[in-house]
Protein backbone atom coordinates (compact mmCIF):
# COMPACT_ATOMS: atom_id res chain seq x y z
CA MET A 1 -10.98 -36.23 3.43
CA GLU A 2 -8.27 -34.23 5.18
CA HIS A 3 -7.81 -30.77 3.69
CA LYS A 4 -4.16 -29.74 3.80
CA LYS A 5 -3.75 -25.98 4.24
CA THR A 6 -0.27 -24.49 4.37
CA TYR A 7 -0.06 -20.75 4.95
CA ILE A 8 2.10 -19.00 2.32
CA ARG A 9 3.14 -15.35 2.34
CA HIS A 10 4.78 -13.24 -0.38
CA THR A 11 5.64 -9.55 -0.50
CA LEU A 12 5.63 -7.45 -3.64
CA PRO A 13 7.10 -3.92 -3.85
CA TYR A 14 4.47 -1.27 -4.51
CA ARG A 15 5.26 2.46 -4.59
CA ASN A 16 6.83 3.27 -1.21
CA ASN A 17 5.23 0.29 0.47
CA GLU A 18 4.61 -3.38 -0.30
CA ILE A 19 1.66 -5.60 -1.09
CA ILE A 20 1.31 -8.84 0.81
CA VAL A 21 -0.12 -11.89 -0.93
CA GLU A 22 -1.02 -14.57 1.60
CA GLY A 23 -3.17 -17.53 2.38
CA PRO A 24 -5.05 -19.59 3.05
CA VAL A 25 -6.06 -17.01 5.64
CA THR A 26 -8.25 -17.55 8.69
CA PRO A 27 -11.63 -15.97 9.36
CA ALA A 28 -10.12 -14.04 12.27
CA HIS A 29 -7.45 -12.54 10.05
CA LEU A 30 -10.04 -11.51 7.47
CA GLN A 31 -12.11 -9.85 10.17
CA SER A 32 -9.13 -7.67 11.09
CA LEU A 33 -8.88 -6.29 7.54
CA VAL A 34 -11.04 -3.93 5.48
CA MET A 35 -12.27 -4.42 1.93
CA HIS A 36 -11.24 -2.02 -0.82
CA PRO A 37 -14.36 -0.15 -2.00
CA GLU A 38 -13.76 -1.20 -5.62
CA LEU A 39 -14.17 -4.89 -4.79
CA ASP A 40 -17.84 -4.87 -5.73
CA ALA A 41 -18.09 -7.15 -8.76
CA PHE A 42 -20.28 -9.71 -6.99
CA ARG A 43 -21.85 -7.80 -4.09
CA LYS A 44 -21.17 -4.79 -1.88
CA PRO A 45 -17.64 -4.89 -0.39
CA ARG A 46 -18.84 -5.37 3.18
CA ASP A 47 -21.14 -8.21 2.12
CA GLN A 48 -18.35 -9.76 0.07
CA GLN A 49 -16.05 -9.63 3.07
CA GLU A 50 -18.62 -11.52 5.11
CA ALA A 51 -18.86 -14.09 2.33
CA ILE A 52 -15.11 -14.76 2.19
CA ILE A 53 -14.96 -14.95 5.99
CA GLU A 54 -17.59 -17.69 5.83
CA ILE A 55 -15.69 -19.54 3.10
CA ALA A 56 -12.43 -19.33 5.07
CA GLY A 57 -14.16 -21.13 7.94
CA LEU A 58 -15.22 -24.11 5.84
CA PRO A 59 -13.13 -27.30 6.16
CA GLU A 60 -12.32 -27.21 2.44
CA GLY A 61 -12.55 -23.42 2.04
CA ARG A 62 -9.51 -21.36 1.08
CA ILE A 63 -9.14 -17.62 0.70
CA ILE A 64 -5.99 -16.08 -0.74
CA VAL A 65 -5.77 -12.30 -0.40
CA ALA A 66 -3.61 -9.47 -1.64
CA ARG A 67 -3.52 -6.60 0.82
CA ASP A 68 -2.06 -3.13 0.93
CA SER A 69 -1.42 -2.67 4.65
CA ASP A 70 -4.76 -3.67 6.22
CA THR A 71 -6.85 -3.18 3.05
CA ILE A 72 -7.78 -6.19 0.95
CA VAL A 73 -7.17 -5.23 -2.70
CA GLY A 74 -7.69 -8.68 -4.21
CA TYR A 75 -8.85 -12.16 -3.30
CA VAL A 76 -9.37 -15.64 -4.72
CA THR A 77 -11.84 -18.19 -3.34
CA PHE A 78 -11.75 -22.00 -3.31
CA HIS A 79 -14.64 -24.10 -2.02
CA TYR A 80 -16.92 -27.00 -2.82
CA PRO A 81 -19.31 -26.30 -5.73
CA ASP A 82 -22.71 -24.85 -4.96
CA GLU A 83 -25.25 -27.58 -4.20
CA MET A 84 -27.60 -26.07 -6.80
CA GLU A 85 -25.10 -26.64 -9.63
CA ARG A 86 -24.36 -29.85 -11.48
CA TRP A 87 -20.76 -29.86 -10.25
CA SER A 88 -21.94 -30.85 -6.77
CA GLN A 89 -23.51 -34.04 -8.10
CA GLY A 90 -21.80 -37.10 -6.72
CA ASN A 91 -20.67 -35.23 -3.59
CA MET A 92 -17.04 -35.58 -4.61
CA PRO A 93 -14.78 -34.75 -1.64
CA ASP A 94 -11.85 -34.05 -3.98
CA LEU A 95 -13.62 -31.70 -6.40
CA ILE A 96 -12.93 -28.04 -5.55
CA GLU A 97 -14.13 -24.94 -7.37
CA LEU A 98 -11.89 -21.95 -7.96
CA GLY A 99 -14.66 -19.43 -7.58
CA ALA A 100 -14.28 -15.67 -7.48
CA VAL A 101 -11.13 -13.85 -8.58
CA GLU A 102 -11.26 -10.11 -8.02
CA VAL A 103 -8.67 -7.32 -7.94
CA ALA A 104 -9.39 -3.64 -7.28
CA ASN A 105 -9.06 -1.49 -10.41
CA ASP A 106 -6.02 0.51 -9.25
CA TYR A 107 -4.05 -2.70 -8.64
CA ARG A 108 -4.82 -4.62 -11.82
CA SER A 109 -1.53 -4.01 -13.60
CA LEU A 110 0.55 -5.76 -10.93
CA GLY A 111 -0.15 -9.40 -11.75
CA LEU A 112 -1.93 -9.97 -8.44
CA GLY A 113 -4.49 -12.37 -9.88
CA SER A 114 -1.87 -14.85 -11.08
CA LYS A 115 0.22 -14.38 -7.92
CA MET A 116 -2.73 -15.21 -5.67
CA ILE A 117 -3.69 -18.26 -7.69
CA ARG A 118 -0.12 -19.56 -7.80
CA THR A 119 0.14 -19.06 -4.04
CA ALA A 120 -2.87 -21.32 -3.52
CA PHE A 121 -1.13 -24.16 -5.36
CA GLU A 122 2.25 -23.91 -3.62
CA ASP A 123 3.61 -26.73 -1.46
CA GLU A 124 1.51 -29.26 -3.43
CA GLN A 125 -1.58 -28.24 -1.45
CA MET A 126 -3.92 -28.91 -4.35
CA GLU A 127 -2.46 -32.16 -5.69
CA SER A 128 -5.24 -34.25 -4.10
CA TYR A 129 -7.99 -32.26 -5.85
CA ILE A 130 -9.62 -31.77 -9.19
CA VAL A 131 -9.80 -27.98 -9.28
CA PHE A 132 -12.19 -26.42 -11.79
CA THR A 133 -13.45 -22.99 -12.67
CA THR A 134 -16.46 -21.98 -14.74
CA GLU A 135 -15.93 -18.81 -16.73
CA TYR A 136 -19.08 -16.90 -17.69
CA TYR A 137 -18.78 -13.75 -19.77
CA TRP A 138 -21.52 -12.00 -17.78
CA HIS A 139 -19.26 -12.06 -14.71
CA TRP A 140 -16.43 -10.26 -16.50
CA ASP A 141 -15.67 -6.58 -15.96
CA LEU A 142 -15.70 -5.63 -19.63
CA LYS A 143 -16.50 -1.99 -18.92
CA SER A 144 -13.55 -1.18 -16.64
CA SER A 145 -11.10 -3.37 -18.53
CA GLU A 146 -12.19 -1.99 -21.92
CA LEU A 147 -11.62 -5.45 -23.36
CA THR A 148 -13.81 -7.32 -25.81
CA VAL A 149 -15.46 -10.54 -24.69
CA TRP A 150 -12.87 -12.55 -26.59
CA ASP A 151 -9.89 -10.60 -25.30
CA TYR A 152 -11.19 -11.03 -21.75
CA ARG A 153 -11.63 -14.75 -22.39
CA LYS A 154 -8.00 -14.97 -23.54
CA MET A 155 -6.88 -13.08 -20.46
CA MET A 156 -8.75 -15.48 -18.16
CA GLU A 157 -7.31 -18.48 -19.97
CA ARG A 158 -3.77 -17.12 -19.55
CA LEU A 159 -4.48 -16.52 -15.86
CA MET A 160 -5.68 -20.07 -15.26
CA LYS A 161 -2.86 -21.59 -17.28
CA THR A 162 -0.36 -20.18 -14.76
CA VAL A 163 -1.31 -23.18 -12.60
CA ASP A 164 -1.74 -25.56 -15.55
CA MET A 165 -5.52 -25.41 -15.74
CA VAL A 166 -6.71 -26.38 -19.22
CA TRP A 167 -9.94 -26.15 -21.20
CA TYR A 168 -12.33 -29.10 -20.79
CA ALA A 169 -15.42 -29.87 -22.84
CA THR A 170 -18.84 -30.15 -21.19
CA ASP A 171 -22.51 -30.17 -22.11
CA ASP A 172 -23.44 -27.95 -19.15
CA PRO A 173 -26.24 -25.67 -20.47
CA GLU A 174 -24.94 -22.47 -18.87
CA ILE A 175 -21.45 -22.92 -20.25
CA CYS A 176 -22.82 -23.89 -23.65
CA SER A 177 -25.13 -20.87 -23.73
CA HIS A 178 -22.35 -18.61 -25.08
CA PRO A 179 -19.17 -19.55 -26.98
CA ALA A 180 -17.00 -17.34 -24.73
CA ASN A 181 -17.97 -19.29 -21.62
CA CYS A 182 -15.68 -22.17 -20.70
CA LEU A 183 -14.74 -24.81 -18.17
CA MET A 184 -11.10 -25.01 -17.09
CA VAL A 185 -9.71 -27.83 -14.98
CA ARG A 186 -6.55 -28.99 -13.23
CA ILE A 187 -6.29 -32.59 -12.05
CA GLY A 188 -3.83 -33.01 -9.19
CA LYS A 189 -1.12 -35.65 -9.28
CA LYS A 190 -2.64 -37.55 -6.35
CA VAL A 191 -6.21 -37.71 -7.70
CA PRO A 192 -7.34 -41.33 -8.23
CA ILE A 193 -8.58 -42.44 -11.63
CA GLU A 194 -11.99 -43.17 -10.11
CA SER A 195 -12.44 -39.47 -9.34
CA GLU A 196 -11.44 -38.50 -12.87
CA GLU A 197 -14.03 -40.91 -14.26
CA GLN A 198 -16.71 -39.57 -11.92
CA PHE A 199 -15.89 -36.01 -12.95
CA ASP A 200 -16.27 -37.03 -16.62
CA ARG A 201 -19.75 -38.33 -15.86
CA ILE A 202 -20.62 -34.98 -14.26
CA ARG A 203 -19.23 -33.01 -17.22
CA PHE A 204 -21.46 -34.86 -19.67
CA HIS A 205 -25.08 -35.72 -19.00
CA GLN A 206 -25.79 -36.55 -22.64
CA ARG A 207 -24.26 -39.98 -23.04
CA PHE A 208 -23.73 -39.60 -26.80
CA MET A 209 -21.29 -36.74 -26.09
CA TYR A 210 -19.27 -38.67 -23.54
């Protein structure tokens, strides 16, 4: 399928400067920037930068960044689900995963997470997709945030609801392994009913739960 990507740019005042929220950005643009050293939740900053550059080069891949001058202080990734996970079953061309969301500690009180996610959905770019995210408590920065598992879960739900993602049931073993884990989904206005039905079959492997 054709993947519509419309570049969007916003500026937010910050101290005596401004933060730019933009995307989807190109691999070349990402290569011209540097990663904030606190963006290390998933891997070392340099390695993470290489990962988002690779994603940005995928036909379906989208990277939205928040940057302070030429320093990336936050990013959000969108891509097809990993082939090792159940969500890739069926090879659905219109099923996209909202993957990593990360903001450097010093910038977490500015609402950058929600701004980046909302930017990705502007201009009806995502209306042809089922967009999902899998929230696992072991990925959450409970130490720096000083939040409990349940408060962090509420925060993530509020974040995803800014683009009308809602909780969906599933029998996926990893999600079911802890009550704080969850699946959140947004079905675009242009998604055919056949894709919704196929996604339901992926969500539930145990037929008695379907």
